[in-house]
Amino acid sequence: MGTSMEYSENIKLRKAQRRVEALKGFYKHLLVYIIVNIALFIV
């Protein structure tokens, strides 16, 4: 009976996990960008 609800929750969980991974990737690149720019500014 609850399989369609579990399926729906599973899809929402996967979407949320993908969103978190995308955000983590964004912040990693942002950090690298900032570090590189500081290094270029110093040199």
PDB file of N, CA and C in Angstrom:
ATOM      1  N   MET A   1       0.815  -1.206   0.000  1.00  0.00           N
ATOM      2  CA  MET A   1       0.000   0.000   0.000  1.00  0.00           C
ATOM      3  C   MET A   1       0.856   1.266   0.000  1.00  0.00           C
ATOM      4  N   GLY A   2       1.892   1.310   0.829  1.00  0.00           N
ATOM      5  CA  GLY A   2       2.697   2.514   0.945  1.00  0.00           C
ATOM      6  C   GLY A   2       3.821   2.598  -0.072  1.00  0.00           C
ATOM      7  N   THR A   3       3.822   1.694  -1.051  1.00  0.00           N
ATOM      8  CA  THR A   3       4.950   1.670  -1.991  1.00  0.00           C
ATOM      9  C   THR A   3       5.020   2.925  -2.847  1.00  0.00           C
ATOM     10  N   SER A   4       3.874   3.468  -3.274  1.00  0.00           N
ATOM     11  CA  SER A   4       3.922   4.675  -4.102  1.00  0.00           C
ATOM     12  C   SER A   4       4.413   5.863  -3.287  1.00  0.00           C
ATOM     13  N   MET A   5       4.058   5.900  -2.009  1.00  0.00           N
ATOM     14  CA  MET A   5       4.521   6.986  -1.158  1.00  0.00           C
ATOM     15  C   MET A   5       6.028   6.832  -0.902  1.00  0.00           C
ATOM     16  N   GLU A   6       6.479   5.613  -0.670  1.00  0.00           N
ATOM     17  CA  GLU A   6       7.906   5.363  -0.460  1.00  0.00           C
ATOM     18  C   GLU A   6       8.689   5.719  -1.722  1.00  0.00           C
ATOM     19  N   TYR A   7       8.136   5.384  -2.885  1.00  0.00           N
ATOM     20  CA  TYR A   7       8.784   5.689  -4.160  1.00  0.00           C
ATOM     21  C   TYR A   7       8.928   7.202  -4.321  1.00  0.00           C
ATOM     22  N   SER A   8       7.862   7.927  -4.001  1.00  0.00           N
ATOM     23  CA  SER A   8       7.873   9.382  -4.105  1.00  0.00           C
ATOM     24  C   SER A   8       8.914   9.983  -3.159  1.00  0.00           C
ATOM     25  N   GLU A   9       8.975   9.474  -1.932  1.00  0.00           N
ATOM     26  CA  GLU A   9       9.948   9.963  -0.965  1.00  0.00           C
ATOM     27  C   GLU A   9      11.367   9.657  -1.435  1.00  0.00           C
ATOM     28  N   ASN A  10      11.542   8.488  -2.049  1.00  0.00           N
ATOM     29  CA  ASN A  10      12.855   8.090  -2.553  1.00  0.00           C
ATOM     30  C   ASN A  10      13.312   9.042  -3.658  1.00  0.00           C
ATOM     31  N   ILE A  11      12.405   9.423  -4.531  1.00  0.00           N
ATOM     32  CA  ILE A  11      12.735  10.368  -5.603  1.00  0.00           C
ATOM     33  C   ILE A  11      13.123  11.721  -5.009  1.00  0.00           C
ATOM     34  N   LYS A  12      12.357  12.185  -4.022  1.00  0.00           N
ATOM     35  CA  LYS A  12      12.671  13.465  -3.376  1.00  0.00           C
ATOM     36  C   LYS A  12      14.037  13.410  -2.707  1.00  0.00           C
ATOM     37  N   LEU A  13      14.336  12.287  -2.062  1.00  0.00           N
ATOM     38  CA  LEU A  13      15.628  12.130  -1.397  1.00  0.00           C
ATOM     39  C   LEU A  13      16.763  12.183  -2.409  1.00  0.00           C
ATOM     40  N   ARG A  14      16.598  11.494  -3.532  1.00  0.00           N
ATOM     41  CA  ARG A  14      17.645  11.504  -4.566  1.00  0.00           C
ATOM     42  C   ARG A  14      17.847  12.904  -5.134  1.00  0.00           C
ATOM     43  N   LYS A  15      16.754  13.635  -5.357  1.00  0.00           N
ATOM     44  CA  LYS A  15      16.870  15.004  -5.870  1.00  0.00           C
ATOM     45  C   LYS A  15      17.602  15.887  -4.870  1.00  0.00           C
ATOM     46  N   ALA A  16      17.280  15.721  -3.601  1.00  0.00           N
ATOM     47  CA  ALA A  16      17.938  16.515  -2.559  1.00  0.00           C
ATOM     48  C   ALA A  16      19.426  16.174  -2.489  1.00  0.00           C
ATOM     49  N   GLN A  17      19.757  14.898  -2.597  1.00  0.00           N
ATOM     50  CA  GLN A  17      21.159  14.489  -2.557  1.00  0.00           C
ATOM     51  C   GLN A  17      21.926  15.073  -3.737  1.00  0.00           C
ATOM     52  N   ARG A  18      21.307  15.071  -4.919  1.00  0.00           N
ATOM     53  CA  ARG A  18      21.959  15.650  -6.099  1.00  0.00           C
ATOM     54  C   ARG A  18      22.175  17.146  -5.908  1.00  0.00           C
ATOM     55  N   ARG A  19      21.172  17.818  -5.318  1.00  0.00           N
ATOM     56  CA  ARG A  19      21.286  19.252  -5.088  1.00  0.00           C
ATOM     57  C   ARG A  19      22.433  19.540  -4.115  1.00  0.00           C
ATOM     58  N   VAL A  20      22.554  18.730  -3.076  1.00  0.00           N
ATOM     59  CA  VAL A  20      23.636  18.907  -2.102  1.00  0.00           C
ATOM     60  C   VAL A  20      24.984  18.685  -2.775  1.00  0.00           C
ATOM     61  N   GLU A  21      25.097  17.652  -3.590  1.00  0.00           N
ATOM     62  CA  GLU A  21      26.356  17.388  -4.298  1.00  0.00           C
ATOM     63  C   GLU A  21      26.715  18.547  -5.222  1.00  0.00           C
ATOM     64  N   ALA A  22      25.715  19.103  -5.900  1.00  0.00           N
ATOM     65  CA  ALA A  22      25.962  20.238  -6.796  1.00  0.00           C
ATOM     66  C   ALA A  22      26.453  21.450  -6.004  1.00  0.00           C
ATOM     67  N   LEU A  23      25.840  21.688  -4.857  1.00  0.00           N
ATOM     68  CA  LEU A  23      26.256  22.818  -4.029  1.00  0.00           C
ATOM     69  C   LEU A  23      27.674  22.615  -3.489  1.00  0.00           C
ATOM     70  N   LYS A  24      27.977  21.397  -3.077  1.00  0.00           N
ATOM     71  CA  LYS A  24      29.325  21.114  -2.585  1.00  0.00           C
ATOM     72  C   LYS A  24      30.345  21.348  -3.682  1.00  0.00           C
ATOM     73  N   GLY A  25      30.035  20.920  -4.898  1.00  0.00           N
ATOM     74  CA  GLY A  25      30.928  21.141  -6.026  1.00  0.00           C
ATOM     75  C   GLY A  25      31.118  22.614  -6.303  1.00  0.00           C
ATOM     76  N   PHE A  26      30.039  23.376  -6.224  1.00  0.00           N
ATOM     77  CA  PHE A  26      30.100  24.821  -6.449  1.00  0.00           C
ATOM     78  C   PHE A  26      31.030  25.482  -5.437  1.00  0.00           C
ATOM     79  N   TYR A  27      30.862  25.132  -4.166  1.00  0.00           N
ATOM     80  CA  TYR A  27      31.673  25.765  -3.134  1.00  0.00           C
ATOM     81  C   TYR A  27      33.141  25.348  -3.214  1.00  0.00           C
ATOM     82  N   LYS A  28      33.403  24.116  -3.645  1.00  0.00           N
ATOM     83  CA  LYS A  28      34.793  23.702  -3.835  1.00  0.00           C
ATOM     84  C   LYS A  28      35.448  24.535  -4.925  1.00  0.00           C
ATOM     85  N   HIS A  29      34.737  24.726  -6.040  1.00  0.00           N
ATOM     86  CA  HIS A  29      35.282  25.530  -7.134  1.00  0.00           C
ATOM     87  C   HIS A  29      35.444  26.985  -6.716  1.00  0.00           C
ATOM     88  N   LEU A  30      34.495  27.483  -5.943  1.00  0.00           N
ATOM     89  CA  LEU A  30      34.589  28.860  -5.462  1.00  0.00           C
ATOM     90  C   LEU A  30      35.821  29.040  -4.586  1.00  0.00           C
ATOM     91  N   LEU A  31      36.062  28.079  -3.717  1.00  0.00           N
ATOM     92  CA  LEU A  31      37.233  28.144  -2.845  1.00  0.00           C
ATOM     93  C   LEU A  31      38.522  28.149  -3.670  1.00  0.00           C
ATOM     94  N   VAL A  32      38.613  27.284  -4.654  1.00  0.00           N
ATOM     95  CA  VAL A  32      39.796  27.238  -5.520  1.00  0.00           C
ATOM     96  C   VAL A  32      39.960  28.565  -6.256  1.00  0.00           C
ATOM     97  N   TYR A  33      38.861  29.117  -6.752  1.00  0.00           N
ATOM     98  CA  TYR A  33      38.891  30.394  -7.465  1.00  0.00           C
ATOM     99  C   TYR A  33      39.444  31.499  -6.567  1.00  0.00           C
ATOM    100  N   ILE A  34      38.970  31.539  -5.321  1.00  0.00           N
ATOM    101  CA  ILE A  34      39.421  32.569  -4.387  1.00  0.00           C
ATOM    102  C   ILE A  34      40.906  32.397  -4.073  1.00  0.00           C
ATOM    103  N   ILE A  35      41.330  31.159  -3.815  1.00  0.00           N
ATOM    104  CA  ILE A  35      42.742  30.902  -3.501  1.00  0.00           C
ATOM    105  C   ILE A  35      43.637  31.295  -4.670  1.00  0.00           C
ATOM    106  N   VAL A  36      43.246  30.936  -5.883  1.00  0.00           N
ATOM    107  CA  VAL A  36      44.051  31.270  -7.065  1.00  0.00           C
ATOM    108  C   VAL A  36      44.129  32.791  -7.234  1.00  0.00           C
ATOM    109  N   ASN A  37      43.015  33.468  -7.042  1.00  0.00           N
ATOM    110  CA  ASN A  37      43.037  34.928  -7.194  1.00  0.00           C
ATOM    111  C   ASN A  37      43.898  35.594  -6.130  1.00  0.00           C
ATOM    112  N   ILE A  38      43.863  35.092  -4.907  1.00  0.00           N
ATOM    113  CA  ILE A  38      44.731  35.654  -3.854  1.00  0.00           C
ATOM    114  C   ILE A  38      46.195  35.413  -4.232  1.00  0.00           C
ATOM    115  N   ALA A  39      46.510  34.219  -4.706  1.00  0.00           N
ATOM    116  CA  ALA A  39      47.885  33.909  -5.099  1.00  0.00           C
ATOM    117  C   ALA A  39      48.333  34.825  -6.240  1.00  0.00           C
ATOM    118  N   LEU A  40      47.464  35.054  -7.210  1.00  0.00           N
ATOM    119  CA  LEU A  40      47.818  35.940  -8.334  1.00  0.00           C
ATOM    120  C   LEU A  40      47.989  37.383  -7.858  1.00  0.00           C
ATOM    121  N   PHE A  41      47.180  37.787  -6.916  1.00  0.00           N
ATOM    122  CA  PHE A  41      47.274  39.145  -6.393  1.00  0.00           C
ATOM    123  C   PHE A  41      48.603  39.346  -5.654  1.00  0.00           C
ATOM    124  N   ILE A  42      49.035  38.336  -4.918  1.00  0.00           N
ATOM    125  CA  ILE A  42      50.296  38.417  -4.166  1.00  0.00           C
ATOM    126  C   ILE A  42      51.479  38.464  -5.131  1.00  0.00           C
ATOM    127  N   VAL A  43      51.417  37.671  -6.179  1.00  0.00           N
ATOM    128  CA  VAL A  43      52.518  37.629  -7.153  1.00  0.00           C
ATOM    129  C   VAL A  43      52.398  38.837  -8.041  1.00  0.00           C
TER     130      VAL A  43
END
